[in-house]
PDB file of all heavy atoms in Angstrom:
ATOM      1  N   LEU A   1     198.816  79.960  63.890  1.00  0.00           N
ATOM      2  CA  LEU A   1     200.007  79.855  64.708  1.00  0.00           C
ATOM      3  C   LEU A   1     199.752  80.325  66.131  1.00  0.00           C
ATOM      4  O   LEU A   1     200.348  79.848  67.072  1.00  0.00           O
ATOM      5  CB  LEU A   1     201.150  80.685  64.095  1.00  0.00           C
ATOM      6  CG  LEU A   1     201.668  80.160  62.740  1.00  0.00           C
ATOM      7  CD1 LEU A   1     202.656  81.180  62.148  1.00  0.00           C
ATOM      8  CD2 LEU A   1     202.340  78.804  62.917  1.00  0.00           C
ATOM      9  N   GLN A   2     198.846  81.311  66.267  1.00  0.00           N
ATOM     10  CA  GLN A   2     198.626  81.899  67.589  1.00  0.00           C
ATOM     11  C   GLN A   2     197.553  81.149  68.377  1.00  0.00           C
ATOM     12  O   GLN A   2     197.692  80.911  69.561  1.00  0.00           O
ATOM     13  CB  GLN A   2     198.213  83.366  67.456  1.00  0.00           C
ATOM     14  CG  GLN A   2     199.298  84.227  66.800  1.00  0.00           C
ATOM     15  CD  GLN A   2     198.820  85.637  66.538  1.00  0.00           C
ATOM     16  OE1 GLN A   2     197.876  86.087  67.159  1.00  0.00           O
ATOM     17  NE2 GLN A   2     199.467  86.316  65.624  1.00  0.00           N
ATOM     18  N   ASN A   3     196.443  80.834  67.676  1.00  0.00           N
ATOM     19  CA  ASN A   3     195.333  80.281  68.454  1.00  0.00           C
ATOM     20  C   ASN A   3     194.420  79.458  67.549  1.00  0.00           C
ATOM     21  O   ASN A   3     193.462  79.973  66.992  1.00  0.00           O
ATOM     22  CB  ASN A   3     194.541  81.418  69.110  1.00  0.00           C
ATOM     23  CG  ASN A   3     193.628  80.893  70.204  1.00  0.00           C
ATOM     24  OD1 ASN A   3     193.261  79.728  70.191  1.00  0.00           O
ATOM     25  ND2 ASN A   3     193.272  81.738  71.138  1.00  0.00           N
ATOM     26  N   LYS A   4     194.741  78.208  67.373  1.00  0.00           N
ATOM     27  CA  LYS A   4     193.954  77.355  66.496  1.00  0.00           C
ATOM     28  C   LYS A   4     192.532  77.176  67.011  1.00  0.00           C
ATOM     29  O   LYS A   4     191.559  77.161  66.259  1.00  0.00           O
ATOM     30  CB  LYS A   4     194.650  76.001  66.373  1.00  0.00           C
ATOM     31  CG  LYS A   4     193.907  75.027  65.466  1.00  0.00           C
ATOM     32  CD  LYS A   4     194.657  73.717  65.377  1.00  0.00           C
ATOM     33  CE  LYS A   4     193.908  72.745  64.495  1.00  0.00           C
ATOM     34  NZ  LYS A   4     194.606  71.445  64.410  1.00  0.00           N
ATOM     35  N   LYS A   5     192.388  77.056  68.317  1.00  0.00           N
ATOM     36  CA  LYS A   5     191.063  76.851  68.902  1.00  0.00           C
ATOM     37  C   LYS A   5     190.140  78.030  68.636  1.00  0.00           C
ATOM     38  O   LYS A   5     188.956  77.871  68.339  1.00  0.00           O
ATOM     39  CB  LYS A   5     191.201  76.620  70.402  1.00  0.00           C
ATOM     40  CG  LYS A   5     189.874  76.265  71.070  1.00  0.00           C
ATOM     41  CD  LYS A   5     190.076  75.969  72.543  1.00  0.00           C
ATOM     42  CE  LYS A   5     188.752  75.605  73.203  1.00  0.00           C
ATOM     43  NZ  LYS A   5     188.917  75.294  74.647  1.00  0.00           N
ATOM     44  N   GLN A   6     190.693  79.263  68.701  1.00  0.00           N
ATOM     45  CA  GLN A   6     189.888  80.466  68.459  1.00  0.00           C
ATOM     46  C   GLN A   6     189.372  80.488  67.017  1.00  0.00           C
ATOM     47  O   GLN A   6     188.233  80.852  66.755  1.00  0.00           O
ATOM     48  CB  GLN A   6     190.724  81.714  68.745  1.00  0.00           C
ATOM     49  CG  GLN A   6     189.941  83.006  68.544  1.00  0.00           C
ATOM     50  CD  GLN A   6     190.791  84.226  68.820  1.00  0.00           C
ATOM     51  OE1 GLN A   6     191.917  84.108  69.311  1.00  0.00           O
ATOM     52  NE2 GLN A   6     190.261  85.381  68.504  1.00  0.00           N
ATOM     53  N   ILE A   7     190.240  80.070  66.089  1.00  0.00           N
ATOM     54  CA  ILE A   7     189.824  80.030  64.679  1.00  0.00           C
ATOM     55  C   ILE A   7     188.654  79.067  64.503  1.00  0.00           C
ATOM     56  O   ILE A   7     187.662  79.367  63.847  1.00  0.00           O
ATOM     57  CB  ILE A   7     190.995  79.595  63.787  1.00  0.00           C
ATOM     58  CG1 ILE A   7     192.097  80.657  63.798  1.00  0.00           C
ATOM     59  CG2 ILE A   7     190.517  79.346  62.355  1.00  0.00           C
ATOM     60  CD1 ILE A   7     193.319  80.266  63.008  1.00  0.00           C
ATOM     61  N   GLU A   8     188.775  77.868  65.100  1.00  0.00           N
ATOM     62  CA  GLU A   8     187.722  76.874  64.949  1.00  0.00           C
ATOM     63  C   GLU A   8     186.393  77.385  65.496  1.00  0.00           C
ATOM     64  O   GLU A   8     185.328  77.143  64.925  1.00  0.00           O
ATOM     65  CB  GLU A   8     188.133  75.586  65.668  1.00  0.00           C
ATOM     66  CG  GLU A   8     189.289  74.861  64.985  1.00  0.00           C
ATOM     67  CD  GLU A   8     189.756  73.661  65.774  1.00  0.00           C
ATOM     68  OE1 GLU A   8     189.343  73.545  66.959  1.00  0.00           O
ATOM     69  OE2 GLU A   8     190.524  72.856  65.233  1.00  0.00           O
ATOM     70  N   GLN A   9     186.433  78.120  66.618  1.00  0.00           N
ATOM     71  CA  GLN A   9     185.205  78.658  67.194  1.00  0.00           C
ATOM     72  C   GLN A   9     184.567  79.698  66.273  1.00  0.00           C
ATOM     73  O   GLN A   9     183.348  79.726  66.078  1.00  0.00           O
ATOM     74  CB  GLN A   9     185.504  79.271  68.571  1.00  0.00           C
ATOM     75  CG  GLN A   9     185.832  78.235  69.627  1.00  0.00           C
ATOM     76  CD  GLN A   9     186.254  78.864  70.943  1.00  0.00           C
ATOM     77  OE1 GLN A   9     186.567  80.067  71.007  1.00  0.00           O
ATOM     78  NE2 GLN A   9     186.283  78.065  72.003  1.00  0.00           N
ATOM     79  N   GLU A  10     185.416  80.555  65.713  1.00  0.00           N
ATOM     80  CA  GLU A  10     184.891  81.588  64.820  1.00  0.00           C
ATOM     81  C   GLU A  10     184.272  80.966  63.564  1.00  0.00           C
ATOM     82  O   GLU A  10     183.208  81.387  63.100  1.00  0.00           O
ATOM     83  CB  GLU A  10     186.007  82.555  64.440  1.00  0.00           C
ATOM     84  CG  GLU A  10     186.449  83.443  65.594  1.00  0.00           C
ATOM     85  CD  GLU A  10     187.564  84.385  65.178  1.00  0.00           C
ATOM     86  OE1 GLU A  10     188.000  84.286  64.007  1.00  0.00           O
ATOM     87  OE2 GLU A  10     187.995  85.209  66.002  1.00  0.00           O
ATOM     88  N   LEU A  11     184.976  79.950  63.012  1.00  0.00           N
ATOM     89  CA  LEU A  11     184.448  79.298  61.825  1.00  0.00           C
ATOM     90  C   LEU A  11     183.126  78.596  62.119  1.00  0.00           C
ATOM     91  O   LEU A  11     182.186  78.631  61.321  1.00  0.00           O
ATOM     92  CB  LEU A  11     185.459  78.295  61.282  1.00  0.00           C
ATOM     93  CG  LEU A  11     186.762  78.879  60.724  1.00  0.00           C
ATOM     94  CD1 LEU A  11     187.690  77.755  60.275  1.00  0.00           C
ATOM     95  CD2 LEU A  11     186.487  79.816  59.565  1.00  0.00           C
ATOM     96  N   SER A  12     182.999  77.953  63.269  1.00  0.00           N
ATOM     97  CA  SER A  12     181.756  77.267  63.634  1.00  0.00           C
ATOM     98  C   SER A  12     180.608  78.250  63.760  1.00  0.00           C
ATOM     99  O   SER A  12     179.477  77.974  63.340  1.00  0.00           O
ATOM    100  CB  SER A  12     181.944  76.504  64.955  1.00  0.00           C
ATOM    101  OG  SER A  12     182.902  75.484  64.808  1.00  0.00           O
ATOM    102  N   ALA A  13     180.876  79.415  64.352  1.00  0.00           N
ATOM    103  CA  ALA A  13     179.830  80.425  64.511  1.00  0.00           C
ATOM    104  C   ALA A  13     179.339  80.930  63.153  1.00  0.00           C
ATOM    105  O   ALA A  13     178.137  81.119  62.937  1.00  0.00           O
ATOM    106  CB  ALA A  13     180.356  81.582  65.357  1.00  0.00           C
ATOM    107  N   LEU A  14     180.311  81.170  62.246  1.00  0.00           N
ATOM    108  CA  LEU A  14     179.922  81.649  60.929  1.00  0.00           C
ATOM    109  C   LEU A  14     179.186  80.567  60.134  1.00  0.00           C
ATOM    110  O   LEU A  14     178.258  80.850  59.381  1.00  0.00           O
ATOM    111  CB  LEU A  14     181.165  82.106  60.160  1.00  0.00           C
ATOM    112  CG  LEU A  14     181.770  83.429  60.652  1.00  0.00           C
ATOM    113  CD1 LEU A  14     183.085  83.686  59.937  1.00  0.00           C
ATOM    114  CD2 LEU A  14     180.804  84.569  60.412  1.00  0.00           C
ATOM    115  N   GLU A  15     179.608  79.305  60.290  1.00  0.00           N
ATOM    116  CA  GLU A  15     178.895  78.206  59.646  1.00  0.00           C
ATOM    117  C   GLU A  15     177.450  78.140  60.103  1.00  0.00           C
ATOM    118  O   GLU A  15     176.519  77.960  59.318  1.00  0.00           O
ATOM    119  CB  GLU A  15     179.590  76.879  59.958  1.00  0.00           C
ATOM    120  CG  GLU A  15     180.608  76.474  58.939  1.00  0.00           C
ATOM    121  CD  GLU A  15     181.114  75.060  59.192  1.00  0.00           C
ATOM    122  OE1 GLU A  15     180.640  74.423  60.157  1.00  0.00           O
ATOM    123  OE2 GLU A  15     181.966  74.610  58.434  1.00  0.00           O
ATOM    124  N   LEU A  16     177.246  78.298  61.413  1.00  0.00           N
ATOM    125  CA  LEU A  16     175.890  78.261  61.957  1.00  0.00           C
ATOM    126  C   LEU A  16     175.059  79.420  61.428  1.00  0.00           C
ATOM    127  O   LEU A  16     173.885  79.258  61.083  1.00  0.00           O
ATOM    128  CB  LEU A  16     175.949  78.302  63.491  1.00  0.00           C
ATOM    129  CG  LEU A  16     174.596  78.267  64.208  1.00  0.00           C
ATOM    130  CD1 LEU A  16     173.871  76.968  63.873  1.00  0.00           C
ATOM    131  CD2 LEU A  16     174.793  78.395  65.718  1.00  0.00           C
ATOM    132  N   ALA A  17     175.664  80.609  61.340  1.00  0.00           N
ATOM    133  CA  ALA A  17     174.941  81.770  60.812  1.00  0.00           C
ATOM    134  C   ALA A  17     174.527  81.543  59.365  1.00  0.00           C
ATOM    135  O   ALA A  17     173.403  81.873  58.959  1.00  0.00           O
ATOM    136  CB  ALA A  17     175.814  83.025  60.927  1.00  0.00           C
ATOM    137  N   ALA A  18     175.442  80.969  58.577  1.00  0.00           N
ATOM    138  CA  ALA A  18     175.117  80.696  57.179  1.00  0.00           C
ATOM    139  C   ALA A  18     174.000  79.670  57.065  1.00  0.00           C
ATOM    140  O   ALA A  18     173.092  79.794  56.247  1.00  0.00           O
ATOM    141  CB  ALA A  18     176.360  80.208  56.447  1.00  0.00           C
ATOM    142  N   LYS A  19     174.061  78.624  57.921  1.00  0.00           N
ATOM    143  CA  LYS A  19     173.020  77.592  57.875  1.00  0.00           C
ATOM    144  C   LYS A  19     171.664  78.174  58.267  1.00  0.00           C
ATOM    145  O   LYS A  19     170.641  77.881  57.639  1.00  0.00           O
ATOM    146  CB  LYS A  19     173.393  76.451  58.816  1.00  0.00           C
ATOM    147  CG  LYS A  19     172.384  75.297  58.800  1.00  0.00           C
ATOM    148  CD  LYS A  19     172.808  74.195  59.748  1.00  0.00           C
ATOM    149  CE  LYS A  19     171.839  73.017  59.652  1.00  0.00           C
ATOM    150  NZ  LYS A  19     170.464  73.405  59.969  1.00  0.00           N
ATOM    151  N   ASN A  20     171.660  79.019  59.310  1.00  0.00           N
ATOM    152  CA  ASN A  20     170.392  79.621  59.731  1.00  0.00           C
ATOM    153  C   ASN A  20     169.807  80.496  58.638  1.00  0.00           C
ATOM    154  O   ASN A  20     168.593  80.534  58.427  1.00  0.00           O
ATOM    155  CB  ASN A  20     170.598  80.443  61.008  1.00  0.00           C
ATOM    156  CG  ASN A  20     170.870  79.567  62.213  1.00  0.00           C
ATOM    157  OD1 ASN A  20     170.543  78.369  62.213  1.00  0.00           O
ATOM    158  ND2 ASN A  20     171.468  80.146  63.252  1.00  0.00           N
ATOM    159  N   GLU A  21     170.699  81.221  57.945  1.00  0.00           N
ATOM    160  CA  GLU A  21     170.214  82.086  56.866  1.00  0.00           C
ATOM    161  C   GLU A  21     169.635  81.252  55.732  1.00  0.00           C
ATOM    162  O   GLU A  21     168.584  81.567  55.166  1.00  0.00           O
ATOM    163  CB  GLU A  21     171.362  82.962  56.348  1.00  0.00           C
ATOM    164  CG  GLU A  21     170.975  83.882  55.207  1.00  0.00           C
ATOM    165  CD  GLU A  21     169.905  84.872  55.597  1.00  0.00           C
ATOM    166  OE1 GLU A  21     169.795  85.183  56.808  1.00  0.00           O
ATOM    167  OE2 GLU A  21     169.165  85.336  54.704  1.00  0.00           O
ATOM    168  N   LEU A  22     170.306  80.142  55.406  1.00  0.00           N
ATOM    169  CA  LEU A  22     169.798  79.274  54.353  1.00  0.00           C
ATOM    170  C   LEU A  22     168.463  78.657  54.756  1.00  0.00           C
ATOM    171  O   LEU A  22     167.537  78.566  53.950  1.00  0.00           O
ATOM    172  CB  LEU A  22     170.823  78.179  54.052  1.00  0.00           C
ATOM    173  CG  LEU A  22     170.450  77.222  52.913  1.00  0.00           C
ATOM    174  CD1 LEU A  22     170.305  77.978  51.609  1.00  0.00           C
ATOM    175  CD2 LEU A  22     171.477  76.122  52.798  1.00  0.00           C
ATOM    176  N   ASP A  23     168.349  78.255  56.028  1.00  0.00           N
ATOM    177  CA  ASP A  23     167.084  77.687  56.506  1.00  0.00           C
ATOM    178  C   ASP A  23     165.966  78.706  56.402  1.00  0.00           C
ATOM    179  O   ASP A  23     164.831  78.369  56.061  1.00  0.00           O
ATOM    180  CB  ASP A  23     167.230  77.214  57.951  1.00  0.00           C
ATOM    181  CG  ASP A  23     168.104  75.970  58.059  1.00  0.00           C
ATOM    182  OD1 ASP A  23     168.321  75.314  57.024  1.00  0.00           O
ATOM    183  OD2 ASP A  23     168.570  75.672  59.182  1.00  0.00           O
ATOM    184  N   ARG A  24     166.292  79.976  56.713  1.00  0.00           N
ATOM    185  CA  ARG A  24     165.270  81.016  56.633  1.00  0.00           C
ATOM    186  C   ARG A  24     164.811  81.223  55.191  1.00  0.00           C
ATOM    187  O   ARG A  24     163.621  81.334  54.898  1.00  0.00           O
ATOM    188  CB  ARG A  24     165.809  82.338  57.184  1.00  0.00           C
ATOM    189  CG  ARG A  24     164.766  83.446  57.215  1.00  0.00           C
ATOM    190  CD  ARG A  24     165.396  84.764  57.615  1.00  0.00           C
ATOM    191  NE  ARG A  24     166.271  85.283  56.580  1.00  0.00           N
ATOM    192  CZ  ARG A  24     165.825  85.924  55.508  1.00  0.00           C
ATOM    193  NH1 ARG A  24     164.540  86.094  55.306  1.00  0.00           N
ATOM    194  NH2 ARG A  24     166.674  86.382  54.602  1.00  0.00           N
ATOM    195  N   VAL A  25     165.773  81.245  54.272  1.00  0.00           N
ATOM    196  CA  VAL A  25     165.431  81.408  52.863  1.00  0.00           C
ATOM    197  C   VAL A  25     164.598  80.230  52.375  1.00  0.00           C
ATOM    198  O   VAL A  25     163.566  80.385  51.727  1.00  0.00           O
ATOM    199  CB  VAL A  25     166.709  81.549  52.013  1.00  0.00           C
ATOM    200  CG1 VAL A  25     166.365  81.549  50.529  1.00  0.00           C
ATOM    201  CG2 VAL A  25     167.442  82.830  52.392  1.00  0.00           C
ATOM    202  N   ASN A  26     165.045  79.023  52.729  1.00  0.00           N
ATOM    203  CA  ASN A  26     164.327  77.841  52.268  1.00  0.00           C
ATOM    204  C   ASN A  26     162.932  77.746  52.860  1.00  0.00           C
ATOM    205  O   ASN A  26     162.019  77.199  52.255  1.00  0.00           O
ATOM    206  CB  ASN A  26     165.116  76.577  52.608  1.00  0.00           C
ATOM    207  CG  ASN A  26     166.384  76.459  51.773  1.00  0.00           C
ATOM    208  OD1 ASN A  26     166.481  77.078  50.722  1.00  0.00           O
ATOM    209  ND2 ASN A  26     167.338  75.690  52.253  1.00  0.00           N
ATOM    210  N   ALA A  27     162.760  78.275  54.079  1.00  0.00           N
ATOM    211  CA  ALA A  27     161.436  78.249  54.707  1.00  0.00           C
ATOM    212  C   ALA A  27     160.447  79.094  53.930  1.00  0.00           C
ATOM    213  O   ALA A  27     159.239  78.870  53.987  1.00  0.00           O
ATOM    214  CB  ALA A  27     161.540  78.742  56.149  1.00  0.00           C
ATOM    215  N   ASP A  28     160.933  80.095  53.215  1.00  0.00           N
ATOM    216  CA  ASP A  28     160.058  80.960  52.436  1.00  0.00           C
ATOM    217  C   ASP A  28     159.661  80.316  51.111  1.00  0.00           C
ATOM    218  O   ASP A  28     158.724  80.757  50.464  1.00  0.00           O
ATOM    219  CB  ASP A  28     160.754  82.301  52.153  1.00  0.00           C
ATOM    220  CG  ASP A  28     160.788  83.175  53.403  1.00  0.00           C
ATOM    221  OD1 ASP A  28     159.971  82.936  54.301  1.00  0.00           O
ATOM    222  OD2 ASP A  28     161.649  84.068  53.462  1.00  0.00           O
ATOM    223  N   TYR A  29     160.374  79.293  50.685  1.00  0.00           N
ATOM    224  CA  TYR A  29     160.080  78.640  49.416  1.00  0.00           C
ATOM    225  C   TYR A  29     159.968  77.136  49.652  1.00  0.00           C
ATOM    226  O   TYR A  29     160.957  76.420  49.661  1.00  0.00           O
ATOM    227  CB  TYR A  29     161.169  78.946  48.384  1.00  0.00           C
ATOM    228  CG  TYR A  29     161.295  80.414  48.091  1.00  0.00           C
ATOM    229  CD1 TYR A  29     162.277  81.178  48.702  1.00  0.00           C
ATOM    230  CD2 TYR A  29     160.410  81.044  47.226  1.00  0.00           C
ATOM    231  CE1 TYR A  29     162.384  82.534  48.435  1.00  0.00           C
ATOM    232  CE2 TYR A  29     160.510  82.402  46.965  1.00  0.00           C
ATOM    233  CZ  TYR A  29     161.497  83.133  47.575  1.00  0.00           C
ATOM    234  OH  TYR A  29     161.600  84.476  47.322  1.00  0.00           O
ATOM    235  N   ILE A  30     158.726  76.696  49.846  1.00  0.00           N
ATOM    236  CA  ILE A  30     158.442  75.304  50.141  1.00  0.00           C
ATOM    237  C   ILE A  30     157.949  74.633  48.861  1.00  0.00           C
ATOM    238  O   ILE A  30     157.280  75.258  48.038  1.00  0.00           O
ATOM    239  CB  ILE A  30     157.379  75.201  51.251  1.00  0.00           C
ATOM    240  CG1 ILE A  30     157.868  75.917  52.512  1.00  0.00           C
ATOM    241  CG2 ILE A  30     157.030  73.758  51.559  1.00  0.00           C
ATOM    242  CD1 ILE A  30     156.814  76.053  53.572  1.00  0.00           C
ATOM    243  N   LYS A  31     158.255  73.368  48.713  1.00  0.00           N
ATOM    244  CA  LYS A  31     157.735  72.642  47.567  1.00  0.00           C
ATOM    245  C   LYS A  31     156.216  72.671  47.588  1.00  0.00           C
ATOM    246  O   LYS A  31     155.596  72.396  48.603  1.00  0.00           O
ATOM    247  CB  LYS A  31     158.243  71.203  47.580  1.00  0.00           C
ATOM    248  CG  LYS A  31     157.760  70.389  46.386  1.00  0.00           C
ATOM    249  CD  LYS A  31     158.280  68.967  46.445  1.00  0.00           C
ATOM    250  CE  LYS A  31     157.765  68.164  45.251  1.00  0.00           C
ATOM    251  NZ  LYS A  31     158.233  66.761  45.284  1.00  0.00           N
ATOM    252  N   TYR A  32     155.622  72.997  46.452  1.00  0.00           N
ATOM    253  CA  TYR A  32     154.169  73.123  46.380  1.00  0.00           C
ATOM    254  C   TYR A  32     153.509  71.772  46.645  1.00  0.00           C
ATOM    255  O   TYR A  32     153.870  70.754  46.055  1.00  0.00           O
ATOM    256  CB  TYR A  32     153.750  73.651  45.010  1.00  0.00           C
ATOM    257  CG  TYR A  32     152.277  73.906  44.897  1.00  0.00           C
ATOM    258  CD1 TYR A  32     151.692  74.956  45.598  1.00  0.00           C
ATOM    259  CD2 TYR A  32     151.460  73.091  44.132  1.00  0.00           C
ATOM    260  CE1 TYR A  32     150.326  75.189  45.521  1.00  0.00           C
ATOM    261  CE2 TYR A  32     150.102  73.320  44.042  1.00  0.00           C
ATOM    262  CZ  TYR A  32     149.542  74.369  44.746  1.00  0.00           C
ATOM    263  OH  TYR A  32     148.191  74.585  44.673  1.00  0.00           O
ATOM    264  N   ASP A  33     152.522  71.767  47.554  1.00  0.00           N
ATOM    265  CA  ASP A  33     151.905  70.510  47.993  1.00  0.00           C
ATOM    266  C   ASP A  33     150.405  70.469  47.716  1.00  0.00           C
ATOM    267  O   ASP A  33     149.639  69.905  48.496  1.00  0.00           O
ATOM    268  CB  ASP A  33     152.173  70.277  49.479  1.00  0.00           C
ATOM    269  CG  ASP A  33     151.588  71.383  50.356  1.00  0.00           C
ATOM    270  OD1 ASP A  33     150.984  72.332  49.810  1.00  0.00           O
ATOM    271  OD2 ASP A  33     151.723  71.290  51.589  1.00  0.00           O
TER     272      ASP A  33
END
């Protein structure tokens, strides 16, 4: 009700943090080649 744009920015930042963390975890476990 107060600030829809602020919510969207916060959610995007947290989404990016989660994606970066997942990428870091996945980088440690690569399919054996």
